[in-house]
Amino acid sequence: WPRTVSADEVSDRAIAWVEQQAPEGWFLFVQY
C-alpha cells in the first residue's frame, strides 16, 4: 500500500532507465 506507485518513484524508475539508453531510438511512456 498504497496500490498506486508514487510520482517520485515513477520518476526515479524512468530516470534510471533513460540513463541506460542510447542517445536516440527509444520511446518512453510515463504515467503519474
PDB file of all heavy atoms in Angstrom:
ATOM      1  N   TRP A   1       0.847  -1.180   0.000  1.00  0.00           N
ATOM      2  CA  TRP A   1       0.000   0.000   0.000  1.00  0.00           C
ATOM      3  C   TRP A   1       0.887   1.236   0.000  1.00  0.00           C
ATOM      4  O   TRP A   1       1.923   1.254   0.649  1.00  0.00           O
ATOM      5  CB  TRP A   1      -0.916  -0.008   1.230  1.00  0.00           C
ATOM      6  CG  TRP A   1      -1.835  -1.178   1.234  1.00  0.00           C
ATOM      7  CD1 TRP A   1      -1.634  -2.366   1.858  1.00  0.00           C
ATOM      8  CD2 TRP A   1      -3.086  -1.293   0.568  1.00  0.00           C
ATOM      9  NE1 TRP A   1      -2.669  -3.214   1.629  1.00  0.00           N
ATOM     10  CE2 TRP A   1      -3.596  -2.581   0.841  1.00  0.00           C
ATOM     11  CE3 TRP A   1      -3.846  -0.447  -0.235  1.00  0.00           C
ATOM     12  CZ2 TRP A   1      -4.810  -3.026   0.343  1.00  0.00           C
ATOM     13  CZ3 TRP A   1      -5.053  -0.895  -0.722  1.00  0.00           C
ATOM     14  CH2 TRP A   1      -5.514  -2.168  -0.439  1.00  0.00           C
ATOM     15  N   PRO A   2       0.528   2.315  -0.715  1.00  0.00           N
ATOM     16  CA  PRO A   2      -0.693   2.422  -1.499  1.00  0.00           C
ATOM     17  C   PRO A   2      -0.626   1.587  -2.775  1.00  0.00           C
ATOM     18  O   PRO A   2       0.462   1.205  -3.199  1.00  0.00           O
ATOM     19  CB  PRO A   2      -0.752   3.917  -1.831  1.00  0.00           C
ATOM     20  CG  PRO A   2       0.682   4.323  -1.856  1.00  0.00           C
ATOM     21  CD  PRO A   2       1.357   3.510  -0.783  1.00  0.00           C
ATOM     22  N   ARG A   3      -1.766   1.330  -3.366  1.00  0.00           N
ATOM     23  CA  ARG A   3      -1.797   0.479  -4.542  1.00  0.00           C
ATOM     24  C   ARG A   3      -1.158   1.165  -5.745  1.00  0.00           C
ATOM     25  O   ARG A   3      -0.675   0.517  -6.651  1.00  0.00           O
ATOM     26  CB  ARG A   3      -3.246   0.091  -4.873  1.00  0.00           C
ATOM     27  CG  ARG A   3      -3.933  -0.657  -3.760  1.00  0.00           C
ATOM     28  CD  ARG A   3      -3.194  -1.938  -3.420  1.00  0.00           C
ATOM     29  NE  ARG A   3      -3.326  -2.923  -4.461  1.00  0.00           N
ATOM     30  CZ  ARG A   3      -4.354  -3.766  -4.571  1.00  0.00           C
ATOM     31  NH1 ARG A   3      -5.333  -3.725  -3.690  1.00  0.00           N
ATOM     32  NH2 ARG A   3      -4.407  -4.640  -5.530  1.00  0.00           N
ATOM     33  N   THR A   4      -1.181   2.499  -5.797  1.00  0.00           N
ATOM     34  CA  THR A   4      -0.518   3.210  -6.872  1.00  0.00           C
ATOM     35  C   THR A   4       0.932   3.488  -6.502  1.00  0.00           C
ATOM     36  O   THR A   4       1.305   3.524  -5.333  1.00  0.00           O
ATOM     37  CB  THR A   4      -1.228   4.545  -7.170  1.00  0.00           C
ATOM     38  OG1 THR A   4      -1.266   5.328  -5.969  1.00  0.00           O
ATOM     39  CG2 THR A   4      -2.646   4.299  -7.654  1.00  0.00           C
ATOM     40  N   VAL A   5       1.756   3.669  -7.516  1.00  0.00           N
ATOM     41  CA  VAL A   5       3.166   3.994  -7.310  1.00  0.00           C
ATOM     42  C   VAL A   5       3.287   5.507  -7.205  1.00  0.00           C
ATOM     43  O   VAL A   5       2.711   6.245  -8.009  1.00  0.00           O
ATOM     44  CB  VAL A   5       4.028   3.463  -8.462  1.00  0.00           C
ATOM     45  CG1 VAL A   5       5.503   3.736  -8.204  1.00  0.00           C
ATOM     46  CG2 VAL A   5       3.788   1.968  -8.654  1.00  0.00           C
ATOM     47  N   SER A   6       4.032   6.002  -6.228  1.00  0.00           N
ATOM     48  CA  SER A   6       4.162   7.442  -6.024  1.00  0.00           C
ATOM     49  C   SER A   6       4.862   8.084  -7.209  1.00  0.00           C
ATOM     50  O   SER A   6       5.636   7.450  -7.934  1.00  0.00           O
ATOM     51  CB  SER A   6       4.939   7.723  -4.744  1.00  0.00           C
ATOM     52  OG  SER A   6       6.297   7.331  -4.883  1.00  0.00           O
ATOM     53  N   ALA A   7       4.609   9.385  -7.390  1.00  0.00           N
ATOM     54  CA  ALA A   7       5.211  10.120  -8.500  1.00  0.00           C
ATOM     55  C   ALA A   7       6.727  10.116  -8.399  1.00  0.00           C
ATOM     56  O   ALA A   7       7.426   9.985  -9.412  1.00  0.00           O
ATOM     57  CB  ALA A   7       4.671  11.552  -8.515  1.00  0.00           C
ATOM     58  N   ASP A   8       7.260  10.240  -7.191  1.00  0.00           N
ATOM     59  CA  ASP A   8       8.715  10.232  -7.026  1.00  0.00           C
ATOM     60  C   ASP A   8       9.312   8.911  -7.487  1.00  0.00           C
ATOM     61  O   ASP A   8      10.355   8.877  -8.163  1.00  0.00           O
ATOM     62  CB  ASP A   8       9.082  10.487  -5.563  1.00  0.00           C
ATOM     63  CG  ASP A   8       8.891  11.940  -5.165  1.00  0.00           C
ATOM     64  OD1 ASP A   8       8.964  12.797  -6.059  1.00  0.00           O
ATOM     65  OD2 ASP A   8       8.657  12.207  -3.974  1.00  0.00           O
ATOM     66  N   GLU A   9       8.661   7.812  -7.132  1.00  0.00           N
ATOM     67  CA  GLU A   9       9.185   6.507  -7.528  1.00  0.00           C
ATOM     68  C   GLU A   9       9.069   6.290  -9.029  1.00  0.00           C
ATOM     69  O   GLU A   9       9.962   5.715  -9.658  1.00  0.00           O
ATOM     70  CB  GLU A   9       8.444   5.400  -6.775  1.00  0.00           C
ATOM     71  CG  GLU A   9       9.052   4.020  -6.971  1.00  0.00           C
ATOM     72  CD  GLU A   9       8.424   2.966  -6.090  1.00  0.00           C
ATOM     73  OE1 GLU A   9       7.737   3.338  -5.116  1.00  0.00           O
ATOM     74  OE2 GLU A   9       8.627   1.770  -6.362  1.00  0.00           O
ATOM     75  N   VAL A  10       7.977   6.763  -9.622  1.00  0.00           N
ATOM     76  CA  VAL A  10       7.832   6.654 -11.072  1.00  0.00           C
ATOM     77  C   VAL A  10       8.954   7.409 -11.773  1.00  0.00           C
ATOM     78  O   VAL A  10       9.584   6.897 -12.719  1.00  0.00           O
ATOM     79  CB  VAL A  10       6.456   7.188 -11.514  1.00  0.00           C
ATOM     80  CG1 VAL A  10       6.387   7.298 -13.039  1.00  0.00           C
ATOM     81  CG2 VAL A  10       5.340   6.277 -11.021  1.00  0.00           C
ATOM     82  N   SER A  11       9.224   8.625 -11.321  1.00  0.00           N
ATOM     83  CA  SER A  11      10.302   9.409 -11.935  1.00  0.00           C
ATOM     84  C   SER A  11      11.666   8.758 -11.711  1.00  0.00           C
ATOM     85  O   SER A  11      12.514   8.740 -12.612  1.00  0.00           O
ATOM     86  CB  SER A  11      10.306  10.836 -11.383  1.00  0.00           C
ATOM     87  OG  SER A  11       9.233  11.588 -11.917  1.00  0.00           O
ATOM     88  N   ASP A  12      11.894   8.233 -10.499  1.00  0.00           N
ATOM     89  CA  ASP A  12      13.170   7.564 -10.237  1.00  0.00           C
ATOM     90  C   ASP A  12      13.392   6.409 -11.203  1.00  0.00           C
ATOM     91  O   ASP A  12      14.498   6.235 -11.754  1.00  0.00           O
ATOM     92  CB  ASP A  12      13.211   7.053  -8.792  1.00  0.00           C
ATOM     93  CG  ASP A  12      13.312   8.177  -7.768  1.00  0.00           C
ATOM     94  OD1 ASP A  12      13.690   9.289  -8.161  1.00  0.00           O
ATOM     95  OD2 ASP A  12      12.980   7.937  -6.587  1.00  0.00           O
ATOM     96  N   ARG A  13      12.367   5.608 -11.421  1.00  0.00           N
ATOM     97  CA  ARG A  13      12.488   4.474 -12.326  1.00  0.00           C
ATOM     98  C   ARG A  13      12.715   4.942 -13.757  1.00  0.00           C
ATOM     99  O   ARG A  13      13.537   4.371 -14.494  1.00  0.00           O
ATOM    100  CB  ARG A  13      11.231   3.605 -12.256  1.00  0.00           C
ATOM    101  CG  ARG A  13      11.038   2.892 -10.921  1.00  0.00           C
ATOM    102  CD  ARG A  13       9.689   2.195 -10.887  1.00  0.00           C
ATOM    103  NE  ARG A  13       9.527   1.389  -9.684  1.00  0.00           N
ATOM    104  CZ  ARG A  13       8.425   0.705  -9.391  1.00  0.00           C
ATOM    105  NH1 ARG A  13       7.401   0.720 -10.211  1.00  0.00           N
ATOM    106  NH2 ARG A  13       8.360  -0.014  -8.282  1.00  0.00           N
ATOM    107  N   ALA A  14      11.976   5.977 -14.157  1.00  0.00           N
ATOM    108  CA  ALA A  14      12.108   6.482 -15.525  1.00  0.00           C
ATOM    109  C   ALA A  14      13.495   7.075 -15.758  1.00  0.00           C
ATOM    110  O   ALA A  14      14.125   6.830 -16.803  1.00  0.00           O
ATOM    111  CB  ALA A  14      11.026   7.530 -15.791  1.00  0.00           C
ATOM    112  N   ILE A  15      13.989   7.842 -14.804  1.00  0.00           N
ATOM    113  CA  ILE A  15      15.319   8.449 -14.949  1.00  0.00           C
ATOM    114  C   ILE A  15      16.393   7.377 -15.019  1.00  0.00           C
ATOM    115  O   ILE A  15      17.326   7.455 -15.837  1.00  0.00           O
ATOM    116  CB  ILE A  15      15.571   9.416 -13.780  1.00  0.00           C
ATOM    117  CG1 ILE A  15      14.637  10.622 -13.883  1.00  0.00           C
ATOM    118  CG2 ILE A  15      17.025   9.878 -13.756  1.00  0.00           C
ATOM    119  CD1 ILE A  15      14.654  11.526 -12.670  1.00  0.00           C
ATOM    120  N   ALA A  16      16.289   6.348 -14.169  1.00  0.00           N
ATOM    121  CA  ALA A  16      17.272   5.263 -14.194  1.00  0.00           C
ATOM    122  C   ALA A  16      17.277   4.563 -15.541  1.00  0.00           C
ATOM    123  O   ALA A  16      18.343   4.181 -16.064  1.00  0.00           O
ATOM    124  CB  ALA A  16      16.978   4.270 -13.072  1.00  0.00           C
ATOM    125  N   TRP A  17      16.104   4.391 -16.139  1.00  0.00           N
ATOM    126  CA  TRP A  17      16.041   3.742 -17.451  1.00  0.00           C
ATOM    127  C   TRP A  17      16.622   4.633 -18.538  1.00  0.00           C
ATOM    128  O   TRP A  17      17.364   4.163 -19.416  1.00  0.00           O
ATOM    129  CB  TRP A  17      14.590   3.384 -17.778  1.00  0.00           C
ATOM    130  CG  TRP A  17      14.442   2.578 -19.031  1.00  0.00           C
ATOM    131  CD1 TRP A  17      14.606   1.237 -19.179  1.00  0.00           C
ATOM    132  CD2 TRP A  17      14.122   3.091 -20.341  1.00  0.00           C
ATOM    133  NE1 TRP A  17      14.394   0.878 -20.487  1.00  0.00           N
ATOM    134  CE2 TRP A  17      14.100   1.992 -21.223  1.00  0.00           C
ATOM    135  CE3 TRP A  17      13.839   4.363 -20.838  1.00  0.00           C
ATOM    136  CZ2 TRP A  17      13.813   2.133 -22.571  1.00  0.00           C
ATOM    137  CZ3 TRP A  17      13.561   4.512 -22.190  1.00  0.00           C
ATOM    138  CH2 TRP A  17      13.555   3.400 -23.045  1.00  0.00           C
ATOM    139  N   VAL A  18      16.295   5.922 -18.494  1.00  0.00           N
ATOM    140  CA  VAL A  18      16.798   6.858 -19.503  1.00  0.00           C
ATOM    141  C   VAL A  18      18.319   6.894 -19.489  1.00  0.00           C
ATOM    142  O   VAL A  18      18.972   6.935 -20.549  1.00  0.00           O
ATOM    143  CB  VAL A  18      16.215   8.258 -19.260  1.00  0.00           C
ATOM    144  CG1 VAL A  18      16.941   9.308 -20.116  1.00  0.00           C
ATOM    145  CG2 VAL A  18      14.727   8.281 -19.572  1.00  0.00           C
ATOM    146  N   GLU A  19      18.920   6.866 -18.313  1.00  0.00           N
ATOM    147  CA  GLU A  19      20.378   6.939 -18.199  1.00  0.00           C
ATOM    148  C   GLU A  19      21.082   5.732 -18.813  1.00  0.00           C
ATOM    149  O   GLU A  19      22.279   5.794 -19.102  1.00  0.00           O
ATOM    150  CB  GLU A  19      20.769   7.092 -16.733  1.00  0.00           C
ATOM    151  CG  GLU A  19      20.367   8.440 -16.135  1.00  0.00           C
ATOM    152  CD  GLU A  19      20.643   8.516 -14.652  1.00  0.00           C
ATOM    153  OE1 GLU A  19      20.887   7.438 -14.034  1.00  0.00           O
ATOM    154  OE2 GLU A  19      20.609   9.626 -14.096  1.00  0.00           O
ATOM    155  N   GLN A  20      20.351   4.639 -19.000  1.00  0.00           N
ATOM    156  CA  GLN A  20      20.943   3.436 -19.574  1.00  0.00           C
ATOM    157  C   GLN A  20      20.748   3.342 -21.084  1.00  0.00           C
ATOM    158  O   GLN A  20      21.233   2.396 -21.704  1.00  0.00           O
ATOM    159  CB  GLN A  20      20.344   2.194 -18.910  1.00  0.00           C
ATOM    160  CG  GLN A  20      20.581   2.111 -17.412  1.00  0.00           C
ATOM    161  CD  GLN A  20      19.832   0.951 -16.783  1.00  0.00           C
ATOM    162  OE1 GLN A  20      19.139   0.188 -17.457  1.00  0.00           O
ATOM    163  NE2 GLN A  20      19.977   0.804 -15.473  1.00  0.00           N
ATOM    164  N   GLN A  21      20.024   4.295 -21.676  1.00  0.00           N
ATOM    165  CA  GLN A  21      19.683   4.188 -23.086  1.00  0.00           C
ATOM    166  C   GLN A  21      20.664   4.914 -23.981  1.00  0.00           C
ATOM    167  O   GLN A  21      21.416   5.796 -23.551  1.00  0.00           O
ATOM    168  CB  GLN A  21      18.268   4.750 -23.329  1.00  0.00           C
ATOM    169  CG  GLN A  21      17.199   4.074 -22.513  1.00  0.00           C
ATOM    170  CD  GLN A  21      17.253   2.560 -22.595  1.00  0.00           C
ATOM    171  OE1 GLN A  21      17.205   1.988 -23.688  1.00  0.00           O
ATOM    172  NE2 GLN A  21      17.360   1.913 -21.444  1.00  0.00           N
ATOM    173  N   ALA A  22      20.645   4.504 -25.243  1.00  0.00           N
ATOM    174  CA  ALA A  22      21.432   5.185 -26.267  1.00  0.00           C
ATOM    175  C   ALA A  22      20.852   6.587 -26.497  1.00  0.00           C
ATOM    176  O   ALA A  22      19.730   6.877 -26.071  1.00  0.00           O
ATOM    177  CB  ALA A  22      21.403   4.373 -27.562  1.00  0.00           C
ATOM    178  N   PRO A  23      21.576   7.458 -27.183  1.00  0.00           N
ATOM    179  CA  PRO A  23      21.091   8.826 -27.372  1.00  0.00           C
ATOM    180  C   PRO A  23      19.852   8.933 -28.250  1.00  0.00           C
ATOM    181  O   PRO A  23      19.228   9.996 -28.296  1.00  0.00           O
ATOM    182  CB  PRO A  23      22.281   9.546 -28.034  1.00  0.00           C
ATOM    183  CG  PRO A  23      23.454   8.667 -27.820  1.00  0.00           C
ATOM    184  CD  PRO A  23      22.932   7.276 -27.692  1.00  0.00           C
ATOM    185  N   GLU A  24      19.483   7.894 -28.960  1.00  0.00           N
ATOM    186  CA  GLU A  24      18.355   8.002 -29.882  1.00  0.00           C
ATOM    187  C   GLU A  24      17.656   6.657 -30.016  1.00  0.00           C
ATOM    188  O   GLU A  24      18.139   5.618 -29.564  1.00  0.00           O
ATOM    189  CB  GLU A  24      18.838   8.479 -31.254  1.00  0.00           C
ATOM    190  CG  GLU A  24      19.921   7.605 -31.854  1.00  0.00           C
ATOM    191  CD  GLU A  24      20.522   8.176 -33.123  1.00  0.00           C
ATOM    192  OE1 GLU A  24      20.285   9.373 -33.417  1.00  0.00           O
ATOM    193  OE2 GLU A  24      21.227   7.426 -33.821  1.00  0.00           O
ATOM    194  N   GLY A  25      16.445   6.699 -30.628  1.00  0.00           N
ATOM    195  CA  GLY A  25      15.756   5.467 -30.984  1.00  0.00           C
ATOM    196  C   GLY A  25      14.952   4.820 -29.890  1.00  0.00           C
ATOM    197  O   GLY A  25      14.762   3.605 -29.917  1.00  0.00           O
ATOM    198  N   TRP A  26      14.413   5.594 -28.921  1.00  0.00           N
ATOM    199  CA  TRP A  26      13.586   4.970 -27.882  1.00  0.00           C
ATOM    200  C   TRP A  26      12.373   5.821 -27.568  1.00  0.00           C
ATOM    201  O   TRP A  26      12.353   7.033 -27.779  1.00  0.00           O
ATOM    202  CB  TRP A  26      14.381   4.678 -26.620  1.00  0.00           C
ATOM    203  CG  TRP A  26      15.230   5.791 -26.074  1.00  0.00           C
ATOM    204  CD1 TRP A  26      16.553   6.017 -26.341  1.00  0.00           C
ATOM    205  CD2 TRP A  26      14.827   6.840 -25.171  1.00  0.00           C
ATOM    206  NE1 TRP A  26      16.995   7.127 -25.658  1.00  0.00           N
ATOM    207  CE2 TRP A  26      15.963   7.645 -24.931  1.00  0.00           C
ATOM    208  CE3 TRP A  26      13.630   7.161 -24.546  1.00  0.00           C
ATOM    209  CZ2 TRP A  26      15.934   8.767 -24.096  1.00  0.00           C
ATOM    210  CZ3 TRP A  26      13.588   8.275 -23.713  1.00  0.00           C
ATOM    211  CH2 TRP A  26      14.723   9.066 -23.500  1.00  0.00           C
ATOM    212  N   PHE A  27      11.336   5.140 -27.086  1.00  0.00           N
ATOM    213  CA  PHE A  27      10.055   5.763 -26.725  1.00  0.00           C
ATOM    214  C   PHE A  27       9.733   5.401 -25.281  1.00  0.00           C
ATOM    215  O   PHE A  27       9.718   4.226 -24.921  1.00  0.00           O
ATOM    216  CB  PHE A  27       8.945   5.275 -27.657  1.00  0.00           C
ATOM    217  CG  PHE A  27       7.551   5.638 -27.197  1.00  0.00           C
ATOM    218  CD1 PHE A  27       7.175   6.956 -27.016  1.00  0.00           C
ATOM    219  CD2 PHE A  27       6.601   4.645 -26.957  1.00  0.00           C
ATOM    220  CE1 PHE A  27       5.894   7.287 -26.591  1.00  0.00           C
ATOM    221  CE2 PHE A  27       5.316   4.959 -26.537  1.00  0.00           C
ATOM    222  CZ  PHE A  27       4.963   6.290 -26.366  1.00  0.00           C
ATOM    223  N   LEU A  28       9.496   6.403 -24.463  1.00  0.00           N
ATOM    224  CA  LEU A  28       9.193   6.205 -23.046  1.00  0.00           C
ATOM    225  C   LEU A  28       7.820   6.778 -22.731  1.00  0.00           C
ATOM    226  O   LEU A  28       7.546   7.948 -23.002  1.00  0.00           O
ATOM    227  CB  LEU A  28      10.256   6.882 -22.176  1.00  0.00           C
ATOM    228  CG  LEU A  28      10.012   6.885 -20.656  1.00  0.00           C
ATOM    229  CD1 LEU A  28       9.998   5.459 -20.114  1.00  0.00           C
ATOM    230  CD2 LEU A  28      11.076   7.721 -19.940  1.00  0.00           C
ATOM    231  N   PHE A  29       6.965   5.935 -22.164  1.00  0.00           N
ATOM    232  CA  PHE A  29       5.635   6.350 -21.706  1.00  0.00           C
ATOM    233  C   PHE A  29       5.656   6.396 -20.183  1.00  0.00           C
ATOM    234  O   PHE A  29       6.019   5.415 -19.530  1.00  0.00           O
ATOM    235  CB  PHE A  29       4.574   5.364 -22.195  1.00  0.00           C
ATOM    236  CG  PHE A  29       3.210   5.566 -21.592  1.00  0.00           C
ATOM    237  CD1 PHE A  29       2.473   6.701 -21.856  1.00  0.00           C
ATOM    238  CD2 PHE A  29       2.649   4.599 -20.752  1.00  0.00           C
ATOM    239  CE1 PHE A  29       1.214   6.888 -21.306  1.00  0.00           C
ATOM    240  CE2 PHE A  29       1.398   4.774 -20.194  1.00  0.00           C
ATOM    241  CZ  PHE A  29       0.684   5.920 -20.473  1.00  0.00           C
ATOM    242  N   VAL A  30       5.290   7.541 -19.612  1.00  0.00           N
ATOM    243  CA  VAL A  30       5.308   7.724 -18.161  1.00  0.00           C
ATOM    244  C   VAL A  30       3.927   8.185 -17.725  1.00  0.00           C
ATOM    245  O   VAL A  30       3.374   9.135 -18.293  1.00  0.00           O
ATOM    246  CB  VAL A  30       6.365   8.758 -17.727  1.00  0.00           C
ATOM    247  CG1 VAL A  30       6.447   8.823 -16.210  1.00  0.00           C
ATOM    248  CG2 VAL A  30       7.730   8.427 -18.322  1.00  0.00           C
ATOM    249  N   GLN A  31       3.382   7.508 -16.701  1.00  0.00           N
ATOM    250  CA  GLN A  31       2.059   7.869 -16.197  1.00  0.00           C
ATOM    251  C   GLN A  31       2.120   8.105 -14.700  1.00  0.00           C
ATOM    252  O   GLN A  31       2.649   7.286 -13.943  1.00  0.00           O
ATOM    253  CB  GLN A  31       1.033   6.764 -16.503  1.00  0.00           C
ATOM    254  CG  GLN A  31      -0.396   7.118 -16.129  1.00  0.00           C
ATOM    255  CD  GLN A  31      -0.888   6.386 -14.878  1.00  0.00           C
ATOM    256  OE1 GLN A  31      -0.222   5.498 -14.361  1.00  0.00           O
ATOM    257  NE2 GLN A  31      -2.055   6.774 -14.382  1.00  0.00           N
ATOM    258  N   TYR A  32       1.598   9.256 -14.274  1.00  0.00           N
ATOM    259  CA  TYR A  32       1.539   9.616 -12.856  1.00  0.00           C
ATOM    260  C   TYR A  32       0.093   9.544 -12.384  1.00  0.00           C
ATOM    261  O   TYR A  32      -0.810  10.070 -13.042  1.00  0.00           O
ATOM    262  CB  TYR A  32       2.082  11.026 -12.636  1.00  0.00           C
ATOM    263  CG  TYR A  32       3.540  11.188 -12.990  1.00  0.00           C
ATOM    264  CD1 TYR A  32       3.924  11.600 -14.269  1.00  0.00           C
ATOM    265  CD2 TYR A  32       4.543  10.940 -12.060  1.00  0.00           C
ATOM    266  CE1 TYR A  32       5.259  11.746 -14.601  1.00  0.00           C
ATOM    267  CE2 TYR A  32       5.885  11.084 -12.383  1.00  0.00           C
ATOM    268  CZ  TYR A  32       6.237  11.485 -13.659  1.00  0.00           C
ATOM    269  OH  TYR A  32       7.561  11.624 -13.972  1.00  0.00           O
TER     270      TYR A  32
END
